[in-house]
C-alpha atoms as a PDB file:
ATOM      1  CA  MET A   1      54.572 -91.925 121.987  1.00  0.00           C
ATOM      2  CA  LYS A   2      51.599 -89.621 122.603  1.00  0.00           C
ATOM      3  CA  ASN A   3      53.029 -87.006 120.247  1.00  0.00           C
ATOM      4  CA  ARG A   4      53.540 -89.644 117.580  1.00  0.00           C
ATOM      5  CA  LYS A   5      49.964 -90.915 117.843  1.00  0.00           C
ATOM      6  CA  LEU A   6      48.575 -87.387 117.679  1.00  0.00           C
ATOM      7  CA  LEU A   7      50.687 -86.597 114.640  1.00  0.00           C
ATOM      8  CA  ILE A   8      49.366 -89.724 112.888  1.00  0.00           C
ATOM      9  CA  TYR A   9      45.815 -88.696 113.808  1.00  0.00           C
ATOM     10  CA  PHE A  10      46.463 -85.240 112.401  1.00  0.00           C
ATOM     11  CA  VAL A  11      47.775 -86.655 109.127  1.00  0.00           C
ATOM     12  CA  LEU A  12      44.672 -88.860 108.799  1.00  0.00           C
ATOM     13  CA  ILE A  13      42.369 -85.860 109.204  1.00  0.00           C
ATOM     14  CA  ALA A  14      44.338 -83.917 106.616  1.00  0.00           C
ATOM     15  CA  GLY A  15      44.257 -86.905 104.273  1.00  0.00           C
ATOM     16  CA  TRP A  16      40.467 -86.873 104.163  1.00  0.00           C
ATOM     17  CA  THR A  17      40.695 -83.762 101.994  1.00  0.00           C
ATOM     18  CA  LEU A  18      41.966 -85.952  99.164  1.00  0.00           C
ATOM     19  CA  LEU A  19      39.004 -88.314  99.219  1.00  0.00           C
ATOM     20  CA  PRO A  20      35.648 -87.866  97.477  1.00  0.00           C
ATOM     21  CA  VAL A  21      33.069 -87.075 100.095  1.00  0.00           C
ATOM     22  CA  GLY A  22      29.315 -86.805 100.644  1.00  0.00           C
ATOM     23  CA  MET A  23      26.707 -84.924  98.774  1.00  0.00           C
ATOM     24  CA  ALA A  24      26.773 -81.221  98.029  1.00  0.00           C
ATOM     25  CA  LEU A  25      25.483 -78.700 100.491  1.00  0.00           C
ATOM     26  CA  ALA A  26      22.415 -76.960  99.117  1.00  0.00           C
ATOM     27  CA  GLN A  27      21.174 -74.804 101.927  1.00  0.00           C
ATOM     28  CA  ALA A  28      22.490 -71.336 102.796  1.00  0.00           C
ATOM     29  CA  GLY A  29      24.868 -71.209  99.822  1.00  0.00           C
ATOM     30  CA  GLY A  30      22.075 -69.868  97.602  1.00  0.00           C
ATOM     31  CA  PHE A  31      21.306 -66.922  99.875  1.00  0.00           C
ATOM     32  CA  THR A  32      22.781 -63.466  99.470  1.00  0.00           C
ATOM     33  CA  GLY A  33      26.274 -62.809 100.773  1.00  0.00           C
ATOM     34  CA  SER A  34      27.422 -66.426 100.540  1.00  0.00           C
ATOM     35  CA  PHE A  35      31.029 -65.313  99.938  1.00  0.00           C
ATOM     36  CA  SER A  36      31.091 -63.793 103.424  1.00  0.00           C
ATOM     37  CA  ARG A  37      30.221 -67.156 105.022  1.00  0.00           C
ATOM     38  CA  MET A  38      33.067 -69.151 103.477  1.00  0.00           C
ATOM     39  CA  GLY A  39      35.418 -68.365 106.351  1.00  0.00           C
ATOM     40  CA  PHE A  40      38.254 -65.986 107.060  1.00  0.00           C
ATOM     41  CA  ALA A  41      41.978 -66.468 106.426  1.00  0.00           C
ATOM     42  CA  PRO A  42      43.842 -69.802 106.250  1.00  0.00           C
ATOM     43  CA  ARG A  43      44.113 -70.257 110.018  1.00  0.00           C
ATOM     44  CA  GLY A  44      40.363 -70.289 110.466  1.00  0.00           C
ATOM     45  CA  MET A  45      39.471 -72.120 107.265  1.00  0.00           C
ATOM     46  CA  ALA A  46      42.058 -74.858 107.848  1.00  0.00           C
ATOM     47  CA  MET A  47      40.434 -75.567 111.233  1.00  0.00           C
ATOM     48  CA  GLY A  48      37.014 -76.040 109.657  1.00  0.00           C
ATOM     49  CA  ASN A  49      35.996 -72.488 110.653  1.00  0.00           C
ATOM     50  CA  ALA A  50      35.529 -73.732 114.223  1.00  0.00           C
ATOM     51  CA  LEU A  51      36.964 -70.586 115.827  1.00  0.00           C
ATOM     52  CA  THR A  52      34.055 -69.209 117.854  1.00  0.00           C
ATOM     53  CA  ALA A  53      35.890 -70.037 121.099  1.00  0.00           C
ATOM     54  CA  VAL A  54      39.529 -69.954 119.907  1.00  0.00           C
ATOM     55  CA  HIS A  55      41.606 -66.960 121.010  1.00  0.00           C
ATOM     56  CA  GLN A  56      45.072 -68.544 120.760  1.00  0.00           C
ATOM     57  CA  GLU A  57      45.355 -67.894 116.995  1.00  0.00           C
ATOM     58  CA  GLY A  58      45.203 -64.118 117.405  1.00  0.00           C
ATOM     59  CA  SER A  59      42.295 -61.779 116.863  1.00  0.00           C
ATOM     60  CA  TYR A  60      39.855 -63.164 114.283  1.00  0.00           C
ATOM     61  CA  ALA A  61      36.782 -61.171 115.258  1.00  0.00           C
ATOM     62  CA  TYR A  62      35.130 -62.366 112.030  1.00  0.00           C
ATOM     63  CA  TYR A  63      34.227 -65.505 114.001  1.00  0.00           C
ATOM     64  CA  ASN A  64      33.369 -63.797 117.294  1.00  0.00           C
ATOM     65  CA  PRO A  65      33.411 -60.026 117.996  1.00  0.00           C
ATOM     66  CA  ALA A  66      34.644 -60.790 121.523  1.00  0.00           C
ATOM     67  CA  LEU A  67      37.949 -61.914 119.969  1.00  0.00           C
ATOM     68  CA  ALA A  68      38.684 -58.247 119.248  1.00  0.00           C
ATOM     69  CA  ALA A  69      39.545 -58.063 122.954  1.00  0.00           C
ATOM     70  CA  VAL A  70      42.566 -60.379 122.532  1.00  0.00           C
ATOM     71  CA  HIS A  71      45.533 -58.799 124.301  1.00  0.00           C
ATOM     72  CA  GLY A  72      48.705 -58.226 122.316  1.00  0.00           C
ATOM     73  CA  GLU A  73      51.788 -56.050 122.325  1.00  0.00           C
ATOM     74  CA  THR A  74      51.699 -55.386 118.574  1.00  0.00           C
ATOM     75  CA  VAL A  75      49.305 -54.560 115.739  1.00  0.00           C
ATOM     76  CA  GLN A  76      48.209 -57.777 114.017  1.00  0.00           C
ATOM     77  CA  LEU A  77      47.871 -57.591 110.219  1.00  0.00           C
ATOM     78  CA  ASP A  78      46.683 -60.418 107.953  1.00  0.00           C
ATOM     79  CA  PHE A  79      46.596 -60.305 104.144  1.00  0.00           C
ATOM     80  CA  SER A  80      44.851 -63.282 102.532  1.00  0.00           C
ATOM     81  CA  SER A  81      43.927 -64.373  99.030  1.00  0.00           C
ATOM     82  CA  SER A  82      42.639 -67.573  97.480  1.00  0.00           C
ATOM     83  CA  ALA A  83      43.133 -69.527  94.283  1.00  0.00           C
ATOM     84  CA  MET A  84      39.739 -70.717  93.035  1.00  0.00           C
ATOM     85  CA  ARG A  85      38.277 -72.207  89.878  1.00  0.00           C
ATOM     86  CA  PHE A  86      35.553 -70.831  87.585  1.00  0.00           C
ATOM     87  CA  ASP A  87      36.968 -67.260  87.496  1.00  0.00           C
ATOM     88  CA  ARG A  88      36.254 -66.620  91.163  1.00  0.00           C
ATOM     89  CA  GLN A  89      38.327 -64.651  93.643  1.00  0.00           C
ATOM     90  CA  LEU A  90      38.217 -64.215  97.411  1.00  0.00           C
ATOM     91  CA  HIS A  91      40.375 -61.680  99.259  1.00  0.00           C
ATOM     92  CA  MET A  92      40.582 -60.832 102.961  1.00  0.00           C
ATOM     93  CA  VAL A  93      42.433 -58.176 104.971  1.00  0.00           C
ATOM     94  CA  THR A  94      42.271 -57.585 108.714  1.00  0.00           C
ATOM     95  CA  GLY A  95      43.991 -55.428 111.298  1.00  0.00           C
ATOM     96  CA  HIS A  96      43.744 -55.602 115.071  1.00  0.00           C
ATOM     97  CA  PHE A  97      44.539 -52.647 117.340  1.00  0.00           C
ATOM     98  CA  GLN A  98      44.779 -52.415 121.119  1.00  0.00           C
ATOM     99  CA  LEU A  99      42.643 -49.966 123.092  1.00  0.00           C
ATOM    100  CA  PRO A 100      44.264 -49.974 126.548  1.00  0.00           C
ATOM    101  CA  PRO A 101      43.711 -51.011 129.179  1.00  0.00           C
ATOM    102  CA  SER A 102      41.263 -53.821 128.376  1.00  0.00           C
ATOM    103  CA  ALA A 103      39.747 -53.417 124.913  1.00  0.00           C
ATOM    104  CA  GLY A 104      40.571 -53.786 121.259  1.00  0.00           C
ATOM    105  CA  ILE A 105      39.193 -53.076 117.811  1.00  0.00           C
ATOM    106  CA  SER A 106      39.424 -55.186 114.685  1.00  0.00           C
ATOM    107  CA  VAL A 107      38.797 -53.890 111.150  1.00  0.00           C
ATOM    108  CA  SER A 108      38.421 -56.328 108.240  1.00  0.00           C
ATOM    109  CA  ILE A 109      37.577 -56.223 104.545  1.00  0.00           C
ATOM    110  CA  LEU A 110      36.290 -59.165 102.499  1.00  0.00           C
ATOM    111  CA  ASN A 111      35.955 -59.149  98.724  1.00  0.00           C
ATOM    112  CA  GLY A 112      34.359 -61.817  96.554  1.00  0.00           C
ATOM    113  CA  ARG A 113      34.475 -61.514  92.771  1.00  0.00           C
ATOM    114  CA  VAL A 114      33.233 -63.589  89.839  1.00  0.00           C
ATOM    115  CA  GLY A 115      34.536 -62.687  86.378  1.00  0.00           C
ATOM    116  CA  GLU A 116      34.068 -63.755  82.764  1.00  0.00           C
ATOM    117  CA  ILE A 117      30.304 -64.265  83.146  1.00  0.00           C
ATOM    118  CA  ASP A 118      28.749 -64.967  79.746  1.00  0.00           C
ATOM    119  CA  GLY A 119      25.717 -62.706  79.258  1.00  0.00           C
ATOM    120  CA  ARG A 120      23.037 -63.857  76.805  1.00  0.00           C
ATOM    121  CA  THR A 121      19.533 -62.937  75.702  1.00  0.00           C
ATOM    122  CA  GLN A 122      16.490 -65.138  76.302  1.00  0.00           C
ATOM    123  CA  SER A 123      17.020 -66.446  72.762  1.00  0.00           C
ATOM    124  CA  GLY A 124      20.561 -67.524  73.576  1.00  0.00           C
ATOM    125  CA  TYR A 125      22.489 -64.817  71.735  1.00  0.00           C
ATOM    126  CA  GLN A 126      25.606 -63.536  73.454  1.00  0.00           C
ATOM    127  CA  THR A 127      25.408 -59.944  74.624  1.00  0.00           C
ATOM    128  CA  GLU A 128      28.424 -59.209  76.800  1.00  0.00           C
ATOM    129  CA  THR A 129      30.865 -60.516  79.355  1.00  0.00           C
ATOM    130  CA  PHE A 130      30.496 -59.050  82.809  1.00  0.00           C
ATOM    131  CA  SER A 131      31.543 -59.607  86.395  1.00  0.00           C
ATOM    132  CA  THR A 132      30.149 -59.230  89.898  1.00  0.00           C
ATOM    133  CA  ASN A 133      31.806 -57.743  92.959  1.00  0.00           C
ATOM    134  CA  GLU A 134      30.795 -57.999  96.597  1.00  0.00           C
ATOM    135  CA  PHE A 135      32.435 -56.318  99.568  1.00  0.00           C
ATOM    136  CA  GLN A 136      31.992 -56.597 103.301  1.00  0.00           C
ATOM    137  CA  ILE A 137      33.627 -54.157 105.720  1.00  0.00           C
ATOM    138  CA  LEU A 138      33.625 -55.252 109.358  1.00  0.00           C
ATOM    139  CA  SER A 139      34.429 -53.248 112.453  1.00  0.00           C
ATOM    140  CA  ASN A 140      34.433 -55.189 115.725  1.00  0.00           C
ATOM    141  CA  PHE A 141      34.938 -53.840 119.227  1.00  0.00           C
ATOM    142  CA  GLY A 142      35.791 -56.181 122.093  1.00  0.00           C
ATOM    143  CA  ILE A 143      36.334 -55.633 125.789  1.00  0.00           C
ATOM    144  CA  ARG A 144      37.643 -57.830 128.586  1.00  0.00           C
ATOM    145  CA  PHE A 145      35.102 -57.419 131.379  1.00  0.00           C
ATOM    146  CA  SER A 146      37.393 -59.629 133.477  1.00  0.00           C
ATOM    147  CA  ASP A 147      40.288 -61.992 132.900  1.00  0.00           C
ATOM    148  CA  THR A 148      37.829 -64.781 132.109  1.00  0.00           C
ATOM    149  CA  PHE A 149      34.875 -63.050 130.430  1.00  0.00           C
ATOM    150  CA  TRP A 150      35.015 -61.055 127.200  1.00  0.00           C
ATOM    151  CA  GLY A 151      32.316 -59.456 125.097  1.00  0.00           C
ATOM    152  CA  GLY A 152      32.138 -57.767 121.728  1.00  0.00           C
ATOM    153  CA  ILE A 153      29.911 -56.140 119.147  1.00  0.00           C
ATOM    154  CA  GLY A 154      30.461 -55.630 115.444  1.00  0.00           C
ATOM    155  CA  ILE A 155      29.036 -53.564 112.610  1.00  0.00           C
ATOM    156  CA  LYS A 156      29.360 -54.755 109.032  1.00  0.00           C
ATOM    157  CA  PHE A 157      28.632 -52.860 105.829  1.00  0.00           C
ATOM    158  CA  ASN A 158      27.780 -54.929 102.754  1.00  0.00           C
ATOM    159  CA  LEU A 159      28.056 -53.704  99.168  1.00  0.00           C
ATOM    160  CA  ALA A 160      27.041 -55.763  96.125  1.00  0.00           C
ATOM    161  CA  ASP A 161      27.768 -54.682  92.532  1.00  0.00           C
ATOM    162  CA  TYR A 162      26.043 -57.171  90.227  1.00  0.00           C
ATOM    163  CA  HIS A 163      25.607 -55.328  86.915  1.00  0.00           C
ATOM    164  CA  GLU A 164      25.975 -51.809  85.516  1.00  0.00           C
ATOM    165  CA  ASP A 165      22.187 -51.650  84.990  1.00  0.00           C
ATOM    166  CA  VAL A 166      21.405 -52.892  88.501  1.00  0.00           C
ATOM    167  CA  SER A 167      21.694 -50.497  91.395  1.00  0.00           C
ATOM    168  CA  SER A 168      24.385 -51.423  93.898  1.00  0.00           C
ATOM    169  CA  GLY A 169      22.930 -53.365  96.792  1.00  0.00           C
ATOM    170  CA  THR A 170      23.828 -52.149 100.263  1.00  0.00           C
ATOM    171  CA  SER A 171      23.019 -53.239 103.787  1.00  0.00           C
ATOM    172  CA  VAL A 172      24.215 -52.979 107.367  1.00  0.00           C
ATOM    173  CA  GLY A 173      24.437 -55.942 109.737  1.00  0.00           C
ATOM    174  CA  VAL A 174      25.195 -56.367 113.417  1.00  0.00           C
ATOM    175  CA  ASP A 175      27.209 -59.069 115.202  1.00  0.00           C
ATOM    176  CA  ALA A 176      27.483 -59.750 118.933  1.00  0.00           C
ATOM    177  CA  GLY A 177      29.440 -62.327 120.881  1.00  0.00           C
ATOM    178  CA  PHE A 178      30.859 -63.484 124.198  1.00  0.00           C
ATOM    179  CA  LEU A 179      33.833 -65.577 125.259  1.00  0.00           C
ATOM    180  CA  LYS A 180      34.263 -67.386 128.574  1.00  0.00           C
ATOM    181  CA  LEU A 181      37.684 -68.680 129.614  1.00  0.00           C
ATOM    182  CA  ALA A 182      37.691 -71.606 132.041  1.00  0.00           C
ATOM    183  CA  GLY A 183      41.203 -72.905 132.560  1.00  0.00           C
ATOM    184  CA  SER A 184      42.159 -75.161 129.673  1.00  0.00           C
ATOM    185  CA  MET A 185      38.731 -74.678 128.072  1.00  0.00           C
ATOM    186  CA  SER A 186      37.003 -71.752 126.385  1.00  0.00           C
ATOM    187  CA  PHE A 187      33.358 -71.276 125.441  1.00  0.00           C
ATOM    188  CA  GLY A 188      31.956 -68.850 122.885  1.00  0.00           C
ATOM    189  CA  PHE A 189      28.570 -67.636 121.704  1.00  0.00           C
ATOM    190  CA  THR A 190      27.748 -65.367 118.759  1.00  0.00           C
ATOM    191  CA  VAL A 191      24.808 -63.959 116.847  1.00  0.00           C
ATOM    192  CA  GLN A 192      25.780 -62.682 113.400  1.00  0.00           C
ATOM    193  CA  ASP A 193      24.261 -60.861 110.425  1.00  0.00           C
ATOM    194  CA  LEU A 194      21.367 -59.381 112.375  1.00  0.00           C
ATOM    195  CA  PHE A 195      19.246 -56.996 110.262  1.00  0.00           C
ATOM    196  CA  ALA A 196      21.423 -57.576 107.149  1.00  0.00           C
ATOM    197  CA  SER A 197      19.387 -57.447 103.950  1.00  0.00           C
ATOM    198  CA  THR A 198      20.719 -56.470 100.513  1.00  0.00           C
ATOM    199  CA  GLN A 199      18.428 -54.166  98.528  1.00  0.00           C
ATOM    200  CA  TYR A 200      18.743 -53.443  94.815  1.00  0.00           C
ATOM    201  CA  ASP A 201      16.629 -52.444  91.794  1.00  0.00           C
ATOM    202  CA  THR A 202      16.553 -54.384  88.493  1.00  0.00           C
ATOM    203  CA  SER A 203      14.080 -52.136  86.635  1.00  0.00           C
ATOM    204  CA  ASN A 204      16.739 -50.718  84.291  1.00  0.00           C
ATOM    205  CA  LEU A 205      17.894 -54.215  83.351  1.00  0.00           C
ATOM    206  CA  PHE A 206      14.624 -56.149  82.971  1.00  0.00           C
ATOM    207  CA  GLY A 207      12.101 -53.340  82.579  1.00  0.00           C
ATOM    208  CA  SER A 208       9.472 -52.131  85.005  1.00  0.00           C
ATOM    209  CA  ASN A 209       7.081 -55.005  84.207  1.00  0.00           C
ATOM    210  CA  VAL A 210       9.542 -57.736  85.204  1.00  0.00           C
ATOM    211  CA  GLY A 211      12.186 -55.975  87.271  1.00  0.00           C
ATOM    212  CA  GLY A 212      11.775 -53.892  90.369  1.00  0.00           C
ATOM    213  CA  SER A 213      13.051 -53.320  93.849  1.00  0.00           C
ATOM    214  CA  ARG A 214      14.245 -56.450  95.618  1.00  0.00           C
ATOM    215  CA  SER A 215      15.340 -57.206  99.162  1.00  0.00           C
ATOM    216  CA  ASN A 216      17.265 -60.370 100.040  1.00  0.00           C
ATOM    217  CA  ASP A 217      17.919 -61.200 103.684  1.00  0.00           C
ATOM    218  CA  TYR A 218      21.203 -62.582 104.946  1.00  0.00           C
ATOM    219  CA  PRO A 219      20.819 -65.752 107.010  1.00  0.00           C
ATOM    220  CA  THR A 220      20.970 -64.933 110.713  1.00  0.00           C
ATOM    221  CA  ARG A 221      23.641 -67.128 112.293  1.00  0.00           C
ATOM    222  CA  ILE A 222      23.682 -68.304 115.904  1.00  0.00           C
ATOM    223  CA  SER A 223      26.831 -70.159 116.962  1.00  0.00           C
ATOM    224  CA  PHE A 224      28.021 -71.984 120.059  1.00  0.00           C
ATOM    225  CA  GLY A 225      31.678 -72.956 120.330  1.00  0.00           C
ATOM    226  CA  ALA A 226      34.137 -74.652 122.654  1.00  0.00           C
ATOM    227  CA  SER A 227      37.882 -75.248 122.613  1.00  0.00           C
ATOM    228  CA  TYR A 228      40.221 -77.334 124.752  1.00  0.00           C
ATOM    229  CA  ILE A 229      43.978 -77.588 125.320  1.00  0.00           C
ATOM    230  CA  PRO A 230      45.009 -80.795 127.147  1.00  0.00           C
ATOM    231  CA  SER A 231      47.268 -80.023 130.081  1.00  0.00           C
ATOM    232  CA  ALA A 232      49.334 -83.113 129.272  1.00  0.00           C
ATOM    233  CA  LEU A 233      49.861 -81.939 125.681  1.00  0.00           C
ATOM    234  CA  PRO A 234      49.737 -78.124 125.420  1.00  0.00           C
ATOM    235  CA  GLU A 235      50.848 -78.271 121.766  1.00  0.00           C
ATOM    236  CA  LEU A 236      47.380 -79.526 120.808  1.00  0.00           C
ATOM    237  CA  LEU A 237      44.200 -77.468 120.603  1.00  0.00           C
ATOM    238  CA  VAL A 238      40.838 -78.919 119.577  1.00  0.00           C
ATOM    239  CA  SER A 239      37.705 -76.897 118.897  1.00  0.00           C
ATOM    240  CA  SER A 240      34.102 -77.403 117.875  1.00  0.00           C
ATOM    241  CA  ASP A 241      31.246 -75.183 116.726  1.00  0.00           C
ATOM    242  CA  TYR A 242      27.519 -75.710 116.379  1.00  0.00           C
ATOM    243  CA  GLU A 243      25.745 -73.182 114.171  1.00  0.00           C
ATOM    244  CA  ILE A 244      22.087 -72.543 113.426  1.00  0.00           C
ATOM    245  CA  GLN A 245      21.340 -70.495 110.319  1.00  0.00           C
ATOM    246  CA  VAL A 246      17.896 -68.915 110.177  1.00  0.00           C
ATOM    247  CA  LEU A 247      16.929 -68.554 106.510  1.00  0.00           C
ATOM    248  CA  ARG A 248      14.264 -66.147 105.306  1.00  0.00           C
ATOM    249  CA  SER A 249      13.027 -66.064 101.736  1.00  0.00           C
ATOM    250  CA  GLU A 250      10.113 -64.810  99.698  1.00  0.00           C
ATOM    251  CA  VAL A 251       8.147 -67.333  97.638  1.00  0.00           C
ATOM    252  CA  ARG A 252       6.307 -65.999  94.587  1.00  0.00           C
ATOM    253  CA  ARG A 253       3.213 -67.898  93.492  1.00  0.00           C
ATOM    254  CA  GLU A 254       0.993 -67.389  90.449  1.00  0.00           C
ATOM    255  CA  SER A 255      -2.570 -68.595  90.087  1.00  0.00           C
ATOM    256  CA  THR A 256      -5.388 -68.025  87.624  1.00  0.00           C
ATOM    257  CA  GLU A 257      -8.781 -66.781  88.736  1.00  0.00           C
ATOM    258  CA  GLN A 258     -11.977 -66.069  86.856  1.00  0.00           C
ATOM    259  CA  ARG A 259     -13.049 -62.464  87.220  1.00  0.00           C
ATOM    260  CA  GLU A 260     -16.035 -61.136  85.299  1.00  0.00           C
ATOM    261  CA  GLY A 261     -15.808 -64.161  83.033  1.00  0.00           C
ATOM    262  CA  ARG A 262     -12.147 -63.617  82.197  1.00  0.00           C
ATOM    263  CA  PRO A 263      -9.061 -65.489  83.424  1.00  0.00           C
ATOM    264  CA  VAL A 264      -6.813 -63.242  85.494  1.00  0.00           C
ATOM    265  CA  THR A 265      -3.318 -64.089  86.710  1.00  0.00           C
ATOM    266  CA  VAL A 266      -2.941 -63.372  90.405  1.00  0.00           C
ATOM    267  CA  VAL A 267       0.531 -63.072  91.918  1.00  0.00           C
ATOM    268  CA  SER A 268       1.008 -63.608  95.641  1.00  0.00           C
ATOM    269  CA  ARG A 269       4.143 -63.503  97.779  1.00  0.00           C
ATOM    270  CA  GLU A 270       4.743 -65.353 101.003  1.00  0.00           C
ATOM    271  CA  ASP A 271       7.604 -65.075 103.484  1.00  0.00           C
ATOM    272  CA  VAL A 272       9.045 -68.478 104.360  1.00  0.00           C
ATOM    273  CA  MET A 273      11.409 -69.127 107.270  1.00  0.00           C
ATOM    274  CA  THR A 274      13.536 -72.263 107.563  1.00  0.00           C
ATOM    275  CA  ASN A 275      16.775 -73.163 109.301  1.00  0.00           C
ATOM    276  CA  THR A 276      19.813 -75.321 108.837  1.00  0.00           C
ATOM    277  CA  GLN A 277      22.156 -76.670 111.503  1.00  0.00           C
ATOM    278  CA  ILE A 278      25.880 -77.110 110.935  1.00  0.00           C
ATOM    279  CA  ALA A 279      28.577 -78.723 113.057  1.00  0.00           C
ATOM    280  CA  ARG A 280      32.286 -77.960 112.744  1.00  0.00           C
ATOM    281  CA  ILE A 281      35.389 -79.393 114.375  1.00  0.00           C
ATOM    282  CA  GLY A 282      39.003 -78.292 114.139  1.00  0.00           C
ATOM    283  CA  ALA A 283      42.438 -78.949 115.560  1.00  0.00           C
ATOM    284  CA  ARG A 284      45.798 -77.227 115.768  1.00  0.00           C
ATOM    285  CA  TYR A 285      49.117 -78.870 116.581  1.00  0.00           C
ATOM    286  CA  LEU A 286      52.374 -76.996 117.282  1.00  0.00           C
ATOM    287  CA  LEU A 287      54.742 -79.402 115.562  1.00  0.00           C
ATOM    288  CA  HIS A 288      57.775 -77.109 115.876  1.00  0.00           C
ATOM    289  CA  GLU A 289      58.435 -73.529 116.909  1.00  0.00           C
ATOM    290  CA  ARG A 290      58.478 -72.719 113.188  1.00  0.00           C
ATOM    291  CA  VAL A 291      55.670 -75.052 112.012  1.00  0.00           C
ATOM    292  CA  THR A 292      52.009 -75.316 113.010  1.00  0.00           C
ATOM    293  CA  LEU A 293      49.624 -77.913 111.539  1.00  0.00           C
ATOM    294  CA  ARG A 294      45.856 -77.509 111.293  1.00  0.00           C
ATOM    295  CA  ALA A 295      42.933 -79.649 110.139  1.00  0.00           C
ATOM    296  CA  GLY A 296      39.184 -79.694 110.442  1.00  0.00           C
ATOM    297  CA  ILE A 297      35.808 -80.752 109.129  1.00  0.00           C
ATOM    298  CA  GLN A 298      32.851 -78.505 108.422  1.00  0.00           C
ATOM    299  CA  GLY A 299      29.481 -78.780 106.764  1.00  0.00           C
ATOM    300  CA  LEU A 300      28.002 -81.598 108.818  1.00  0.00           C
ATOM    301  CA  ASP A 301      24.453 -80.488 108.090  1.00  0.00           C
ATOM    302  CA  LEU A 302      22.196 -82.030 110.702  1.00  0.00           C
ATOM    303  CA  ASN A 303      19.009 -81.312 108.728  1.00  0.00           C
ATOM    304  CA  HIS A 304      19.921 -83.088 105.505  1.00  0.00           C
ATOM    305  CA  ASP A 305      22.021 -85.940 104.198  1.00  0.00           C
ATOM    306  CA  LEU A 306      25.489 -86.073 105.724  1.00  0.00           C
ATOM    307  CA  SER A 307      27.812 -83.791 103.762  1.00  0.00           C
ATOM    308  CA  VAL A 308      31.428 -83.458 104.839  1.00  0.00           C
ATOM    309  CA  GLN A 309      33.797 -80.657 103.864  1.00  0.00           C
ATOM    310  CA  PRO A 310      37.326 -81.479 105.135  1.00  0.00           C
ATOM    311  CA  THR A 311      40.042 -78.830 105.458  1.00  0.00           C
ATOM    312  CA  ALA A 312      43.747 -78.785 106.275  1.00  0.00           C
ATOM    313  CA  GLY A 313      46.639 -76.357 106.398  1.00  0.00           C
ATOM    314  CA  PHE A 314      49.780 -75.148 108.092  1.00  0.00           C
ATOM    315  CA  SER A 315      51.736 -72.075 109.186  1.00  0.00           C
ATOM    316  CA  LEU A 316      55.423 -71.354 108.688  1.00  0.00           C
ATOM    317  CA  HIS A 317      56.740 -68.947 111.310  1.00  0.00           C
ATOM    318  CA  LEU A 318      59.685 -67.224 109.651  1.00  0.00           C
ATOM    319  CA  PRO A 319      62.897 -66.632 111.654  1.00  0.00           C
ATOM    320  CA  PHE A 320      62.767 -62.835 111.644  1.00  0.00           C
ATOM    321  CA  ASP A 321      62.387 -60.773 114.790  1.00  0.00           C
ATOM    322  CA  ARG A 322      61.055 -57.744 112.957  1.00  0.00           C
ATOM    323  CA  PHE A 323      57.306 -58.051 112.351  1.00  0.00           C
ATOM    324  CA  SER A 324      57.420 -61.779 113.338  1.00  0.00           C
ATOM    325  CA  PRO A 325      56.118 -62.782 109.882  1.00  0.00           C
ATOM    326  CA  ALA A 326      54.271 -66.026 109.255  1.00  0.00           C
ATOM    327  CA  ILE A 327      53.009 -67.626 106.053  1.00  0.00           C
ATOM    328  CA  ASP A 328      49.674 -69.436 106.376  1.00  0.00           C
ATOM    329  CA  TYR A 329      48.067 -71.909 103.976  1.00  0.00           C
ATOM    330  CA  ALA A 330      44.755 -73.766 103.854  1.00  0.00           C
ATOM    331  CA  PHE A 331      43.401 -76.405 101.488  1.00  0.00           C
ATOM    332  CA  VAL A 332      39.608 -76.472 101.389  1.00  0.00           C
ATOM    333  CA  ARG A 333      37.231 -78.725  99.504  1.00  0.00           C
ATOM    334  CA  GLU A 334      34.312 -76.541  98.508  1.00  0.00           C
ATOM    335  CA  PRO A 335      30.714 -77.400  99.501  1.00  0.00           C
ATOM    336  CA  SER A 336      29.804 -78.096  95.863  1.00  0.00           C
ATOM    337  CA  GLN A 337      32.405 -80.921  95.819  1.00  0.00           C
ATOM    338  CA  LEU A 338      33.207 -79.767  92.261  1.00  0.00           C
ATOM    339  CA  SER A 339      36.434 -78.001  93.116  1.00  0.00           C
ATOM    340  CA  THR A 340      38.920 -77.118  95.798  1.00  0.00           C
ATOM    341  CA  MET A 341      40.418 -73.839  96.895  1.00  0.00           C
ATOM    342  CA  HIS A 342      43.873 -72.861  98.107  1.00  0.00           C
ATOM    343  CA  VAL A 343      44.067 -69.992 100.581  1.00  0.00           C
ATOM    344  CA  PHE A 344      47.296 -68.119 101.292  1.00  0.00           C
ATOM    345  CA  SER A 345      48.063 -65.451 103.860  1.00  0.00           C
ATOM    346  CA  ILE A 346      50.890 -63.500 105.406  1.00  0.00           C
ATOM    347  CA  ARG A 347      50.709 -62.479 109.065  1.00  0.00           C
ATOM    348  CA  LEU A 348      52.657 -59.477 110.344  1.00  0.00           C
ATOM    349  CA  ASN A 349      52.937 -58.126 113.877  1.00  0.00           C
ATOM    350  CA  ILE A 350      53.961 -54.473 113.763  1.00  0.00           C
END
């Protein structure tokens, strides 16, 4: 009876993805590197990206560098891609390697691309069709200080290619995280995208009078997470995350002053710091040895009007001993509420 009720509850959560929901998120999505904050692989995205304190899904150090310390007998490989609207693409690859006796390293690559962008002059005449490419390469090292306390640190390299006349933007960021295991519960803490700031020069595109060197900061993310497996129902795992994003931006203001009897335009720049708070919840249910169900909700912005972004997905564990392959899928309603995305992945254990 308990299993039946939980299955019904799971189906209800997944069903929310088919309903129109809330207002669009309009906070950190406009800041640089937004593709790298959409989540990683179907297993994480289907659980609402609430994986800061979840180590049972394998090593997803994207969510917490301490997860690179997950113990395993094989090399974990994940290859993910998404089907998105408006000529957008999102690809993810990760590999996890053991460093005996008590450490591990995880290497991941994210790629976000937008194609078929219609370029036009200020008068509206078409000039060209171009595309943008962004990459993030992550290297995370984790160590098990004890059986119940793990720690990790990560370095990420960001590369942004916006236009042939704009210099490629590069930056380096730092992540750090911890994981505490306490019986059927786990607790996680992370700080991500420290010091990350994309720099590029638009002088060749707009001219020296309008263009110039620019620096856009990544939002610094601070996350707290918890997960729980009921002892009476070990097939179920529930998780939750609370994230604070510190947003830094430069505001440009123009004013007119009288100098020596003539009006002069004065340009001033001011650094503005704000923050947004996001809650996430997720669940995983082992329906069968070959089938795992997942669902979640993310985007509960505590600073603005309630905006819900439901997610759902599943895993099919194929009956092959070699490589223990699994096919993962996630269905995600995007923050804009204008479209949805389908994320596919294959997991191999070599």
